[in-house]
Amino acid sequence: MSSLPELKFEPIVICTPNEKRDTFRGSQLIDEDIVCFQISHAVESAEQYRYPNVPSFLDYVHDQQVVVHFRSLEKLKEDDFCLEMSRLFTYDVVVERVAQILNLDDPSKIRLTSLNSYS
């Protein structure tokens, strides 16, 4: 068995690394299991990928939120831009990303508010 730890997301998703020489029976696969194959990369080349392995990609999928639409208060019906958000983002990270899009030097001058489009 592999020395990598088993990852669990919620009670439903479990990512268990297997060795190449493991058999399907030895891997304890059951109906509806998803098997992912990954090409091995050299350590230095793995750094060029955003998600270099299956567990890092599953972390991303687990923590991602929806795409958030940003609108200015002057034009409430029109999206100015959209950002894909993660549950792991802090307020500071969000305003830094917004500041980059708006070409602002100081993210501390940004104030974000929620919008109820029905009122």
PDB file of N, CA and C in Angstrom:
ATOM      1  N   MET A   1       0.843  -1.188   0.000  1.00  0.00           N
ATOM      2  CA  MET A   1       0.000   0.000   0.000  1.00  0.00           C
ATOM      3  C   MET A   1       0.880   1.240   0.000  1.00  0.00           C
ATOM      4  N   SER A   2       0.367   2.301  -0.483  1.00  0.00           N
ATOM      5  CA  SER A   2       1.108   3.537  -0.621  1.00  0.00           C
ATOM      6  C   SER A   2       1.309   4.209   0.733  1.00  0.00           C
ATOM      7  N   SER A   3       2.357   5.021   0.825  1.00  0.00           N
ATOM      8  CA  SER A   3       2.626   5.731   2.067  1.00  0.00           C
ATOM      9  C   SER A   3       1.868   7.051   2.150  1.00  0.00           C
ATOM     10  N   LEU A   4       1.185   7.446   1.063  1.00  0.00           N
ATOM     11  CA  LEU A   4       0.409   8.680   1.094  1.00  0.00           C
ATOM     12  C   LEU A   4      -0.837   8.494   1.949  1.00  0.00           C
ATOM     13  N   PRO A   5      -1.255   9.535   2.654  1.00  0.00           N
ATOM     14  CA  PRO A   5      -2.442   9.404   3.507  1.00  0.00           C
ATOM     15  C   PRO A   5      -3.721   9.338   2.687  1.00  0.00           C
ATOM     16  N   GLU A   6      -4.735   8.773   3.290  1.00  0.00           N
ATOM     17  CA  GLU A   6      -6.057   8.718   2.671  1.00  0.00           C
ATOM     18  C   GLU A   6      -6.752  10.042   2.941  1.00  0.00           C
ATOM     19  N   LEU A   7      -7.318  10.646   1.916  1.00  0.00           N
ATOM     20  CA  LEU A   7      -8.017  11.915   2.078  1.00  0.00           C
ATOM     21  C   LEU A   7      -9.507  11.663   2.119  1.00  0.00           C
ATOM     22  N   LYS A   8     -10.204  12.362   3.015  1.00  0.00           N
ATOM     23  CA  LYS A   8     -11.656  12.233   3.090  1.00  0.00           C
ATOM     24  C   LYS A   8     -12.278  13.621   3.009  1.00  0.00           C
ATOM     25  N   PHE A   9     -13.260  13.770   2.119  1.00  0.00           N
ATOM     26  CA  PHE A   9     -14.007  15.019   1.988  1.00  0.00           C
ATOM     27  C   PHE A   9     -15.454  14.709   2.292  1.00  0.00           C
ATOM     28  N   GLU A  10     -15.973  15.407   3.279  1.00  0.00           N
ATOM     29  CA  GLU A  10     -17.322  15.106   3.725  1.00  0.00           C
ATOM     30  C   GLU A  10     -17.324  13.616   4.076  1.00  0.00           C
ATOM     31  N   PRO A  11     -18.450  13.013   4.299  1.00  0.00           N
ATOM     32  CA  PRO A  11     -18.397  11.568   4.505  1.00  0.00           C
ATOM     33  C   PRO A  11     -18.433  10.774   3.200  1.00  0.00           C
ATOM     34  N   ILE A  12     -18.553  11.439   2.036  1.00  0.00           N
ATOM     35  CA  ILE A  12     -18.807  10.695   0.810  1.00  0.00           C
ATOM     36  C   ILE A  12     -17.579  10.477  -0.073  1.00  0.00           C
ATOM     37  N   VAL A  13     -16.649  11.406  -0.126  1.00  0.00           N
ATOM     38  CA  VAL A  13     -15.541  11.305  -1.068  1.00  0.00           C
ATOM     39  C   VAL A  13     -14.267  10.903  -0.334  1.00  0.00           C
ATOM     40  N   ILE A  14     -13.671   9.820  -0.786  1.00  0.00           N
ATOM     41  CA  ILE A  14     -12.424   9.342  -0.196  1.00  0.00           C
ATOM     42  C   ILE A  14     -11.419   9.152  -1.331  1.00  0.00           C
ATOM     43  N   CYS A  15     -10.240   9.692  -1.169  1.00  0.00           N
ATOM     44  CA  CYS A  15      -9.186   9.560  -2.180  1.00  0.00           C
ATOM     45  C   CYS A  15      -8.078   8.701  -1.575  1.00  0.00           C
ATOM     46  N   THR A  16      -7.936   7.488  -2.089  1.00  0.00           N
ATOM     47  CA  THR A  16      -6.930   6.569  -1.579  1.00  0.00           C
ATOM     48  C   THR A  16      -5.910   6.280  -2.678  1.00  0.00           C
ATOM     49  N   PRO A  17      -4.662   6.679  -2.498  1.00  0.00           N
ATOM     50  CA  PRO A  17      -3.657   6.373  -3.509  1.00  0.00           C
ATOM     51  C   PRO A  17      -3.332   4.882  -3.523  1.00  0.00           C
ATOM     52  N   ASN A  18      -3.116   4.329  -4.710  1.00  0.00           N
ATOM     53  CA  ASN A  18      -2.754   2.925  -4.857  1.00  0.00           C
ATOM     54  C   ASN A  18      -1.448   2.813  -5.623  1.00  0.00           C
ATOM     55  N   GLU A  19      -0.731   1.740  -5.372  1.00  0.00           N
ATOM     56  CA  GLU A  19       0.498   1.456  -6.109  1.00  0.00           C
ATOM     57  C   GLU A  19       0.155   0.842  -7.452  1.00  0.00           C
ATOM     58  N   LYS A  20       1.043   0.971  -8.432  1.00  0.00           N
ATOM     59  CA  LYS A  20       0.804   0.410  -9.762  1.00  0.00           C
ATOM     60  C   LYS A  20       0.620  -1.101  -9.725  1.00  0.00           C
ATOM     61  N   ARG A  21       1.323  -1.754  -8.838  1.00  0.00           N
ATOM     62  CA  ARG A  21       1.260  -3.218  -8.825  1.00  0.00           C
ATOM     63  C   ARG A  21       0.078  -3.769  -8.027  1.00  0.00           C
ATOM     64  N   ASP A  22      -0.732  -2.894  -7.402  1.00  0.00           N
ATOM     65  CA  ASP A  22      -1.930  -3.355  -6.698  1.00  0.00           C
ATOM     66  C   ASP A  22      -2.953  -3.873  -7.706  1.00  0.00           C
ATOM     67  N   THR A  23      -3.639  -4.935  -7.354  1.00  0.00           N
ATOM     68  CA  THR A  23      -4.718  -5.446  -8.198  1.00  0.00           C
ATOM     69  C   THR A  23      -6.006  -4.701  -7.846  1.00  0.00           C
ATOM     70  N   PHE A  24      -7.011  -4.810  -8.727  1.00  0.00           N
ATOM     71  CA  PHE A  24      -8.291  -4.183  -8.418  1.00  0.00           C
ATOM     72  C   PHE A  24      -8.872  -4.788  -7.142  1.00  0.00           C
ATOM     73  N   ARG A  25      -8.773  -6.090  -7.007  1.00  0.00           N
ATOM     74  CA  ARG A  25      -9.294  -6.745  -5.808  1.00  0.00           C
ATOM     75  C   ARG A  25      -8.513  -6.294  -4.569  1.00  0.00           C
ATOM     76  N   GLY A  26      -7.193  -6.207  -4.706  1.00  0.00           N
ATOM     77  CA  GLY A  26      -6.355  -5.777  -3.583  1.00  0.00           C
ATOM     78  C   GLY A  26      -6.601  -4.332  -3.197  1.00  0.00           C
ATOM     79  N   SER A  27      -7.070  -3.535  -4.156  1.00  0.00           N
ATOM     80  CA  SER A  27      -7.376  -2.126  -3.891  1.00  0.00           C
ATOM     81  C   SER A  27      -8.732  -1.954  -3.226  1.00  0.00           C
ATOM     82  N   GLN A  28      -9.478  -3.023  -3.093  1.00  0.00           N
ATOM     83  CA  GLN A  28     -10.796  -3.026  -2.468  1.00  0.00           C
ATOM     84  C   GLN A  28     -11.762  -2.075  -3.177  1.00  0.00           C
ATOM     85  N   LEU A  29     -11.716  -2.102  -4.503  1.00  0.00           N
ATOM     86  CA  LEU A  29     -12.646  -1.286  -5.287  1.00  0.00           C
ATOM     87  C   LEU A  29     -14.021  -1.919  -5.264  1.00  0.00           C
ATOM     88  N   ILE A  30     -15.030  -1.072  -5.233  1.00  0.00           N
ATOM     89  CA  ILE A  30     -16.410  -1.558  -5.262  1.00  0.00           C
ATOM     90  C   ILE A  30     -17.166  -0.806  -6.345  1.00  0.00           C
ATOM     91  N   ASP A  31     -18.415  -1.185  -6.590  1.00  0.00           N
ATOM     92  CA  ASP A  31     -19.241  -0.501  -7.585  1.00  0.00           C
ATOM     93  C   ASP A  31     -19.291   0.990  -7.289  1.00  0.00           C
ATOM     94  N   GLU A  32     -19.271   1.775  -8.342  1.00  0.00           N
ATOM     95  CA  GLU A  32     -19.373   3.228  -8.304  1.00  0.00           C
ATOM     96  C   GLU A  32     -18.114   3.929  -7.827  1.00  0.00           C
ATOM     97  N   ASP A  33     -17.022   3.197  -7.564  1.00  0.00           N
ATOM     98  CA  ASP A  33     -15.752   3.850  -7.262  1.00  0.00           C
ATOM     99  C   ASP A  33     -15.233   4.508  -8.534  1.00  0.00           C
ATOM    100  N   ILE A  34     -14.559   5.624  -8.385  1.00  0.00           N
ATOM    101  CA  ILE A  34     -13.946   6.315  -9.515  1.00  0.00           C
ATOM    102  C   ILE A  34     -12.450   6.111  -9.411  1.00  0.00           C
ATOM    103  N   VAL A  35     -11.848   5.645 -10.493  1.00  0.00           N
ATOM    104  CA  VAL A  35     -10.412   5.395 -10.515  1.00  0.00           C
ATOM    105  C   VAL A  35      -9.764   6.484 -11.370  1.00  0.00           C
ATOM    106  N   CYS A  36      -8.791   7.193 -10.799  1.00  0.00           N
ATOM    107  CA  CYS A  36      -8.065   8.239 -11.524  1.00  0.00           C
ATOM    108  C   CYS A  36      -6.633   7.774 -11.733  1.00  0.00           C
ATOM    109  N   PHE A  37      -6.134   7.949 -12.941  1.00  0.00           N
ATOM    110  CA  PHE A  37      -4.749   7.634 -13.248  1.00  0.00           C
ATOM    111  C   PHE A  37      -4.001   8.934 -13.437  1.00  0.00           C
ATOM    112  N   GLN A  38      -2.771   8.956 -12.967  1.00  0.00           N
ATOM    113  CA  GLN A  38      -1.988  10.174 -13.058  1.00  0.00           C
ATOM    114  C   GLN A  38      -0.601   9.841 -13.560  1.00  0.00           C
ATOM    115  N   ILE A  39      -0.111  10.647 -14.479  1.00  0.00           N
ATOM    116  CA  ILE A  39       1.245  10.477 -14.992  1.00  0.00           C
ATOM    117  C   ILE A  39       2.208  11.073 -13.984  1.00  0.00           C
ATOM    118  N   SER A  40       3.276  10.356 -13.691  1.00  0.00           N
ATOM    119  CA  SER A  40       4.283  10.871 -12.758  1.00  0.00           C
ATOM    120  C   SER A  40       5.104  11.960 -13.432  1.00  0.00           C
ATOM    121  N   HIS A  41       5.394  13.016 -12.680  1.00  0.00           N
ATOM    122  CA  HIS A  41       6.194  14.136 -13.168  1.00  0.00           C
ATOM    123  C   HIS A  41       7.397  14.312 -12.264  1.00  0.00           C
ATOM    124  N   ALA A  42       8.444  14.853 -12.813  1.00  0.00           N
ATOM    125  CA  ALA A  42       9.592  15.226 -11.993  1.00  0.00           C
ATOM    126  C   ALA A  42       9.155  16.344 -11.060  1.00  0.00           C
ATOM    127  N   VAL A  43       9.784  16.422  -9.903  1.00  0.00           N
ATOM    128  CA  VAL A  43       9.385  17.409  -8.898  1.00  0.00           C
ATOM    129  C   VAL A  43       9.429  18.823  -9.462  1.00  0.00           C
ATOM    130  N   GLU A  44      10.475  19.163 -10.213  1.00  0.00           N
ATOM    131  CA  GLU A  44      10.583  20.526 -10.736  1.00  0.00           C
ATOM    132  C   GLU A  44       9.527  20.820 -11.802  1.00  0.00           C
ATOM    133  N   SER A  45       9.127  19.812 -12.581  1.00  0.00           N
ATOM    134  CA  SER A  45       8.095  20.071 -13.581  1.00  0.00           C
ATOM    135  C   SER A  45       6.698  20.093 -12.965  1.00  0.00           C
ATOM    136  N   ALA A  46       6.496  19.429 -11.839  1.00  0.00           N
ATOM    137  CA  ALA A  46       5.193  19.429 -11.178  1.00  0.00           C
ATOM    138  C   ALA A  46       4.825  20.817 -10.669  1.00  0.00           C
ATOM    139  N   GLU A  47       5.829  21.660 -10.416  1.00  0.00           N
ATOM    140  CA  GLU A  47       5.563  23.003  -9.907  1.00  0.00           C
ATOM    141  C   GLU A  47       4.895  23.900 -10.946  1.00  0.00           C
ATOM    142  N   GLN A  48       4.980  23.539 -12.230  1.00  0.00           N
ATOM    143  CA  GLN A  48       4.374  24.365 -13.264  1.00  0.00           C
ATOM    144  C   GLN A  48       2.873  24.161 -13.363  1.00  0.00           C
ATOM    145  N   TYR A  49       2.349  23.127 -12.716  1.00  0.00           N
ATOM    146  CA  TYR A  49       0.922  22.836 -12.789  1.00  0.00           C
ATOM    147  C   TYR A  49       0.198  23.446 -11.605  1.00  0.00           C
ATOM    148  N   ARG A  50      -0.996  23.935 -11.857  1.00  0.00           N
ATOM    149  CA  ARG A  50      -1.809  24.533 -10.791  1.00  0.00           C
ATOM    150  C   ARG A  50      -2.203  23.479  -9.757  1.00  0.00           C
ATOM    151  N   TYR A  51      -2.588  22.313 -10.225  1.00  0.00           N
ATOM    152  CA  TYR A  51      -2.950  21.198  -9.351  1.00  0.00           C
ATOM    153  C   TYR A  51      -2.162  19.985  -9.837  1.00  0.00           C
ATOM    154  N   PRO A  52      -0.975  19.755  -9.281  1.00  0.00           N
ATOM    155  CA  PRO A  52      -0.079  18.740  -9.823  1.00  0.00           C
ATOM    156  C   PRO A  52      -0.496  17.294  -9.556  1.00  0.00           C
ATOM    157  N   ASN A  53      -1.441  17.077  -8.658  1.00  0.00           N
ATOM    158  CA  ASN A  53      -1.854  15.697  -8.375  1.00  0.00           C
ATOM    159  C   ASN A  53      -3.347  15.653  -8.058  1.00  0.00           C
ATOM    160  N   VAL A  54      -3.874  14.450  -8.012  1.00  0.00           N
ATOM    161  CA  VAL A  54      -5.313  14.258  -7.786  1.00  0.00           C
ATOM    162  C   VAL A  54      -5.761  14.841  -6.444  1.00  0.00           C
ATOM    163  N   PRO A  55      -5.059  14.580  -5.320  1.00  0.00           N
ATOM    164  CA  PRO A  55      -5.514  15.168  -4.049  1.00  0.00           C
ATOM    165  C   PRO A  55      -5.567  16.698  -4.060  1.00  0.00           C
ATOM    166  N   SER A  56      -4.601  17.355  -4.704  1.00  0.00           N
ATOM    167  CA  SER A  56      -4.641  18.822  -4.741  1.00  0.00           C
ATOM    168  C   SER A  56      -5.812  19.314  -5.594  1.00  0.00           C
ATOM    169  N   PHE A  57      -6.133  18.600  -6.666  1.00  0.00           N
ATOM    170  CA  PHE A  57      -7.289  18.976  -7.476  1.00  0.00           C
ATOM    171  C   PHE A  57      -8.582  18.764  -6.694  1.00  0.00           C
ATOM    172  N   LEU A  58      -8.681  17.650  -5.960  1.00  0.00           N
ATOM    173  CA  LEU A  58      -9.886  17.403  -5.166  1.00  0.00           C
ATOM    174  C   LEU A  58     -10.034  18.430  -4.046  1.00  0.00           C
ATOM    175  N   ASP A  59      -8.915  18.875  -3.473  1.00  0.00           N
ATOM    176  CA  ASP A  59      -8.969  19.961  -2.490  1.00  0.00           C
ATOM    177  C   ASP A  59      -9.580  21.209  -3.122  1.00  0.00           C
ATOM    178  N   TYR A  60      -9.125  21.531  -4.328  1.00  0.00           N
ATOM    179  CA  TYR A  60      -9.643  22.691  -5.043  1.00  0.00           C
ATOM    180  C   TYR A  60     -11.149  22.554  -5.286  1.00  0.00           C
ATOM    181  N   VAL A  61     -11.573  21.410  -5.781  1.00  0.00           N
ATOM    182  CA  VAL A  61     -12.990  21.189  -6.074  1.00  0.00           C
ATOM    183  C   VAL A  61     -13.821  21.279  -4.799  1.00  0.00           C
ATOM    184  N   HIS A  62     -13.306  20.717  -3.719  1.00  0.00           N
ATOM    185  CA  HIS A  62     -14.032  20.733  -2.442  1.00  0.00           C
ATOM    186  C   HIS A  62     -14.199  22.152  -1.908  1.00  0.00           C
ATOM    187  N   ASP A  63     -13.159  22.974  -2.054  1.00  0.00           N
ATOM    188  CA  ASP A  63     -13.171  24.303  -1.452  1.00  0.00           C
ATOM    189  C   ASP A  63     -13.705  25.393  -2.362  1.00  0.00           C
ATOM    190  N   GLN A  64     -13.906  25.099  -3.626  1.00  0.00           N
ATOM    191  CA  GLN A  64     -14.367  26.155  -4.523  1.00  0.00           C
ATOM    192  C   GLN A  64     -15.822  26.493  -4.254  1.00  0.00           C
ATOM    193  N   GLN A  65     -16.121  27.696  -4.458  1.00  0.00           N
ATOM    194  CA  GLN A  65     -17.481  28.182  -4.337  1.00  0.00           C
ATOM    195  C   GLN A  65     -17.984  28.490  -5.739  1.00  0.00           C
ATOM    196  N   VAL A  66     -18.970  29.268  -5.811  1.00  0.00           N
ATOM    197  CA  VAL A  66     -19.530  29.666  -7.093  1.00  0.00           C
ATOM    198  C   VAL A  66     -18.778  30.875  -7.634  1.00  0.00           C
ATOM    199  N   VAL A  67     -19.112  31.235  -8.820  1.00  0.00           N
ATOM    200  CA  VAL A  67     -18.586  32.459  -9.396  1.00  0.00           C
ATOM    201  C   VAL A  67     -19.396  33.616  -8.812  1.00  0.00           C
ATOM    202  N   VAL A  68     -18.700  34.617  -8.292  1.00  0.00           N
ATOM    203  CA  VAL A  68     -19.355  35.772  -7.680  1.00  0.00           C
ATOM    204  C   VAL A  68     -19.350  36.920  -8.681  1.00  0.00           C
ATOM    205  N   HIS A  69     -20.511  37.539  -8.845  1.00  0.00           N
ATOM    206  CA  HIS A  69     -20.671  38.656  -9.775  1.00  0.00           C
ATOM    207  C   HIS A  69     -20.532  39.959  -9.001  1.00  0.00           C
ATOM    208  N   PHE A  70     -19.670  40.822  -9.481  1.00  0.00           N
ATOM    209  CA  PHE A  70     -19.451  42.111  -8.835  1.00  0.00           C
ATOM    210  C   PHE A  70     -20.111  43.202  -9.667  1.00  0.00           C
ATOM    211  N   ARG A  71     -20.827  44.105  -8.960  1.00  0.00           N
ATOM    212  CA  ARG A  71     -21.525  45.208  -9.616  1.00  0.00           C
ATOM    213  C   ARG A  71     -21.236  46.484  -8.850  1.00  0.00           C
ATOM    214  N   SER A  72     -21.176  47.562  -9.559  1.00  0.00           N
ATOM    215  CA  SER A  72     -21.025  48.849  -8.878  1.00  0.00           C
ATOM    216  C   SER A  72     -22.398  49.292  -8.384  1.00  0.00           C
ATOM    217  N   LEU A  73     -22.422  50.139  -7.391  1.00  0.00           N
ATOM    218  CA  LEU A  73     -23.693  50.611  -6.839  1.00  0.00           C
ATOM    219  C   LEU A  73     -24.450  51.500  -7.824  1.00  0.00           C
ATOM    220  N   GLU A  74     -23.729  52.082  -8.777  1.00  0.00           N
ATOM    221  CA  GLU A  74     -24.389  52.937  -9.766  1.00  0.00           C
ATOM    222  C   GLU A  74     -25.132  52.129 -10.817  1.00  0.00           C
ATOM    223  N   LYS A  75     -24.662  50.923 -11.116  1.00  0.00           N
ATOM    224  CA  LYS A  75     -25.283  50.085 -12.157  1.00  0.00           C
ATOM    225  C   LYS A  75     -25.615  48.721 -11.550  1.00  0.00           C
ATOM    226  N   LEU A  76     -26.694  48.645 -10.808  1.00  0.00           N
ATOM    227  CA  LEU A  76     -27.037  47.426 -10.086  1.00  0.00           C
ATOM    228  C   LEU A  76     -27.492  46.281 -10.980  1.00  0.00           C
ATOM    229  N   LYS A  77     -27.892  46.574 -12.191  1.00  0.00           N
ATOM    230  CA  LYS A  77     -28.398  45.529 -13.088  1.00  0.00           C
ATOM    231  C   LYS A  77     -27.297  44.922 -13.972  1.00  0.00           C
ATOM    232  N   GLU A  78     -26.120  45.520 -13.987  1.00  0.00           N
ATOM    233  CA  GLU A  78     -25.049  45.072 -14.884  1.00  0.00           C
ATOM    234  C   GLU A  78     -23.851  44.560 -14.088  1.00  0.00           C
ATOM    235  N   ASP A  79     -23.319  43.399 -14.506  1.00  0.00           N
ATOM    236  CA  ASP A  79     -22.102  42.879 -13.892  1.00  0.00           C
ATOM    237  C   ASP A  79     -20.903  43.672 -14.392  1.00  0.00           C
ATOM    238  N   ASP A  80     -20.041  44.094 -13.472  1.00  0.00           N
ATOM    239  CA  ASP A  80     -18.784  44.722 -13.874  1.00  0.00           C
ATOM    240  C   ASP A  80     -17.743  43.656 -14.192  1.00  0.00           C
ATOM    241  N   PHE A  81     -17.661  42.627 -13.334  1.00  0.00           N
ATOM    242  CA  PHE A  81     -16.755  41.510 -13.547  1.00  0.00           C
ATOM    243  C   PHE A  81     -17.172  40.366 -12.637  1.00  0.00           C
ATOM    244  N   CYS A  82     -16.590  39.201 -12.858  1.00  0.00           N
ATOM    245  CA  CYS A  82     -16.902  38.012 -12.063  1.00  0.00           C
ATOM    246  C   CYS A  82     -15.599  37.385 -11.566  1.00  0.00           C
ATOM    247  N   LEU A  83     -15.652  36.778 -10.386  1.00  0.00           N
ATOM    248  CA  LEU A  83     -14.503  36.072  -9.830  1.00  0.00           C
ATOM    249  C   LEU A  83     -14.941  34.717  -9.295  1.00  0.00           C
ATOM    250  N   GLU A  84     -14.126  33.715  -9.520  1.00  0.00           N
ATOM    251  CA  GLU A  84     -14.367  32.412  -8.914  1.00  0.00           C
ATOM    252  C   GLU A  84     -13.802  32.454  -7.496  1.00  0.00           C
ATOM    253  N   MET A  85     -14.641  32.143  -6.526  1.00  0.00           N
ATOM    254  CA  MET A  85     -14.241  32.238  -5.121  1.00  0.00           C
ATOM    255  C   MET A  85     -14.058  30.867  -4.494  1.00  0.00           C
ATOM    256  N   SER A  86     -13.267  30.841  -3.450  1.00  0.00           N
ATOM    257  CA  SER A  86     -13.026  29.637  -2.674  1.00  0.00           C
ATOM    258  C   SER A  86     -13.479  29.882  -1.246  1.00  0.00           C
ATOM    259  N   ARG A  87     -13.893  28.832  -0.585  1.00  0.00           N
ATOM    260  CA  ARG A  87     -14.255  28.951   0.836  1.00  0.00           C
ATOM    261  C   ARG A  87     -13.063  29.355   1.686  1.00  0.00           C
ATOM    262  N   LEU A  88     -11.870  29.130   1.170  1.00  0.00           N
ATOM    263  CA  LEU A  88     -10.661  29.408   1.940  1.00  0.00           C
ATOM    264  C   LEU A  88     -10.226  30.869   1.843  1.00  0.00           C
ATOM    265  N   PHE A  89     -10.822  31.636   0.934  1.00  0.00           N
ATOM    266  CA  PHE A  89     -10.434  33.033   0.773  1.00  0.00           C
ATOM    267  C   PHE A  89     -10.847  33.843   1.995  1.00  0.00           C
ATOM    268  N   THR A  90      -9.946  34.666   2.457  1.00  0.00           N
ATOM    269  CA  THR A  90     -10.282  35.629   3.501  1.00  0.00           C
ATOM    270  C   THR A  90     -10.791  36.904   2.823  1.00  0.00           C
ATOM    271  N   TYR A  91     -11.351  37.799   3.606  1.00  0.00           N
ATOM    272  CA  TYR A  91     -11.824  39.074   3.068  1.00  0.00           C
ATOM    273  C   TYR A  91     -10.668  39.817   2.401  1.00  0.00           C
ATOM    274  N   ASP A  92      -9.490  39.775   3.047  1.00  0.00           N
ATOM    275  CA  ASP A  92      -8.322  40.471   2.502  1.00  0.00           C
ATOM    276  C   ASP A  92      -7.916  39.920   1.136  1.00  0.00           C
ATOM    277  N   VAL A  93      -7.977  38.607   0.970  1.00  0.00           N
ATOM    278  CA  VAL A  93      -7.640  37.999  -0.320  1.00  0.00           C
ATOM    279  C   VAL A  93      -8.637  38.443  -1.385  1.00  0.00           C
ATOM    280  N   VAL A  94      -9.905  38.479  -1.028  1.00  0.00           N
ATOM    281  CA  VAL A  94     -10.935  38.884  -1.989  1.00  0.00           C
ATOM    282  C   VAL A  94     -10.715  40.330  -2.424  1.00  0.00           C
ATOM    283  N   VAL A  95     -10.519  41.252  -1.478  1.00  0.00           N
ATOM    284  CA  VAL A  95     -10.350  42.656  -1.868  1.00  0.00           C
ATOM    285  C   VAL A  95      -9.041  42.864  -2.628  1.00  0.00           C
ATOM    286  N   GLU A  96      -8.012  42.060  -2.357  1.00  0.00           N
ATOM    287  CA  GLU A  96      -6.779  42.152  -3.148  1.00  0.00           C
ATOM    288  C   GLU A  96      -7.032  41.751  -4.599  1.00  0.00           C
ATOM    289  N   ARG A  97      -7.793  40.687  -4.800  1.00  0.00           N
ATOM    290  CA  ARG A  97      -8.113  40.258  -6.166  1.00  0.00           C
ATOM    291  C   ARG A  97      -8.985  41.290  -6.873  1.00  0.00           C
ATOM    292  N   VAL A  98      -9.931  41.864  -6.144  1.00  0.00           N
ATOM    293  CA  VAL A  98     -10.781  42.908  -6.727  1.00  0.00           C
ATOM    294  C   VAL A  98      -9.927  44.128  -7.081  1.00  0.00           C
ATOM    295  N   ALA A  99      -9.011  44.504  -6.198  1.00  0.00           N
ATOM    296  CA  ALA A  99      -8.132  45.646  -6.459  1.00  0.00           C
ATOM    297  C   ALA A  99      -7.280  45.416  -7.701  1.00  0.00           C
ATOM    298  N   GLN A 100      -6.812  44.198  -7.905  1.00  0.00           N
ATOM    299  CA  GLN A 100      -6.028  43.893  -9.111  1.00  0.00           C
ATOM    300  C   GLN A 100      -6.868  44.104 -10.365  1.00  0.00           C
ATOM    301  N   ILE A 101      -8.097  43.641 -10.333  1.00  0.00           N
ATOM    302  CA  ILE A 101      -8.965  43.784 -11.506  1.00  0.00           C
ATOM    303  C   ILE A 101      -9.286  45.251 -11.772  1.00  0.00           C
ATOM    304  N   LEU A 102      -9.486  46.019 -10.700  1.00  0.00           N
ATOM    305  CA  LEU A 102      -9.836  47.433 -10.848  1.00  0.00           C
ATOM    306  C   LEU A 102      -8.617  48.338 -10.991  1.00  0.00           C
ATOM    307  N   ASN A 103      -7.417  47.744 -10.993  1.00  0.00           N
ATOM    308  CA  ASN A 103      -6.153  48.492 -11.099  1.00  0.00           C
ATOM    309  C   ASN A 103      -6.007  49.526  -9.984  1.00  0.00           C
ATOM    310  N   LEU A 104      -6.323  49.115  -8.758  1.00  0.00           N
ATOM    311  CA  LEU A 104      -6.175  49.985  -7.592  1.00  0.00           C
ATOM    312  C   LEU A 104      -4.934  49.580  -6.811  1.00  0.00           C
ATOM    313  N   ASP A 105      -4.237  50.569  -6.262  1.00  0.00           N
ATOM    314  CA  ASP A 105      -3.018  50.288  -5.498  1.00  0.00           C
ATOM    315  C   ASP A 105      -3.305  49.864  -4.067  1.00  0.00           C
ATOM    316  N   ASP A 106      -4.394  50.343  -3.489  1.00  0.00           N
ATOM    317  CA  ASP A 106      -4.661  50.105  -2.069  1.00  0.00           C
ATOM    318  C   ASP A 106      -5.982  49.349  -1.880  1.00  0.00           C
ATOM    319  N   PRO A 107      -5.904  48.018  -1.639  1.00  0.00           N
ATOM    320  CA  PRO A 107      -7.131  47.234  -1.459  1.00  0.00           C
ATOM    321  C   PRO A 107      -7.912  47.608  -0.195  1.00  0.00           C
ATOM    322  N   SER A 108      -7.271  48.283   0.755  1.00  0.00           N
ATOM    323  CA  SER A 108      -7.976  48.640   1.994  1.00  0.00           C
ATOM    324  C   SER A 108      -9.041  49.706   1.748  1.00  0.00           C
ATOM    325  N   LYS A 109      -9.042  50.344   0.590  1.00  0.00           N
ATOM    326  CA  LYS A 109     -10.042  51.360   0.271  1.00  0.00           C
ATOM    327  C   LYS A 109     -11.288  50.773  -0.372  1.00  0.00           C
ATOM    328  N   ILE A 110     -11.322  49.436  -0.524  1.00  0.00           N
ATOM    329  CA  ILE A 110     -12.476  48.780  -1.138  1.00  0.00           C
ATOM    330  C   ILE A 110     -13.441  48.332  -0.052  1.00  0.00           C
ATOM    331  N   ARG A 111     -14.712  48.574  -0.281  1.00  0.00           N
ATOM    332  CA  ARG A 111     -15.742  48.088   0.630  1.00  0.00           C
ATOM    333  C   ARG A 111     -16.697  47.213  -0.162  1.00  0.00           C
ATOM    334  N   LEU A 112     -16.870  45.985   0.276  1.00  0.00           N
ATOM    335  CA  LEU A 112     -17.775  45.057  -0.392  1.00  0.00           C
ATOM    336  C   LEU A 112     -19.062  44.947   0.411  1.00  0.00           C
ATOM    337  N   THR A 113     -20.176  44.924  -0.276  1.00  0.00           N
ATOM    338  CA  THR A 113     -21.475  44.733   0.373  1.00  0.00           C
ATOM    339  C   THR A 113     -22.247  43.678  -0.400  1.00  0.00           C
ATOM    340  N   SER A 114     -23.166  43.048   0.263  1.00  0.00           N
ATOM    341  CA  SER A 114     -24.030  42.085  -0.442  1.00  0.00           C
ATOM    342  C   SER A 114     -25.152  42.878  -1.107  1.00  0.00           C
ATOM    343  N   LEU A 115     -25.752  42.250  -2.092  1.00  0.00           N
ATOM    344  CA  LEU A 115     -26.787  42.926  -2.854  1.00  0.00           C
ATOM    345  C   LEU A 115     -27.994  41.997  -2.950  1.00  0.00           C
ATOM    346  N   ASN A 116     -29.140  42.537  -2.620  1.00  0.00           N
ATOM    347  CA  ASN A 116     -30.383  41.807  -2.823  1.00  0.00           C
ATOM    348  C   ASN A 116     -31.040  42.393  -4.059  1.00  0.00           C
ATOM    349  N   SER A 117     -30.996  41.661  -5.152  1.00  0.00           N
ATOM    350  CA  SER A 117     -31.474  42.216  -6.423  1.00  0.00           C
ATOM    351  C   SER A 117     -32.993  42.395  -6.452  1.00  0.00           C
ATOM    352  N   TYR A 118     -33.703  41.866  -5.475  1.00  0.00           N
ATOM    353  CA  TYR A 118     -35.162  41.979  -5.469  1.00  0.00           C
ATOM    354  C   TYR A 118     -35.655  43.220  -4.712  1.00  0.00           C
ATOM    355  N   SER A 119     -34.778  43.867  -3.991  1.00  0.00           N
ATOM    356  CA  SER A 119     -35.230  45.043  -3.216  1.00  0.00           C
ATOM    357  C   SER A 119     -34.611  46.319  -3.734  1.00  0.00           C
TER     358      SER A 119
END
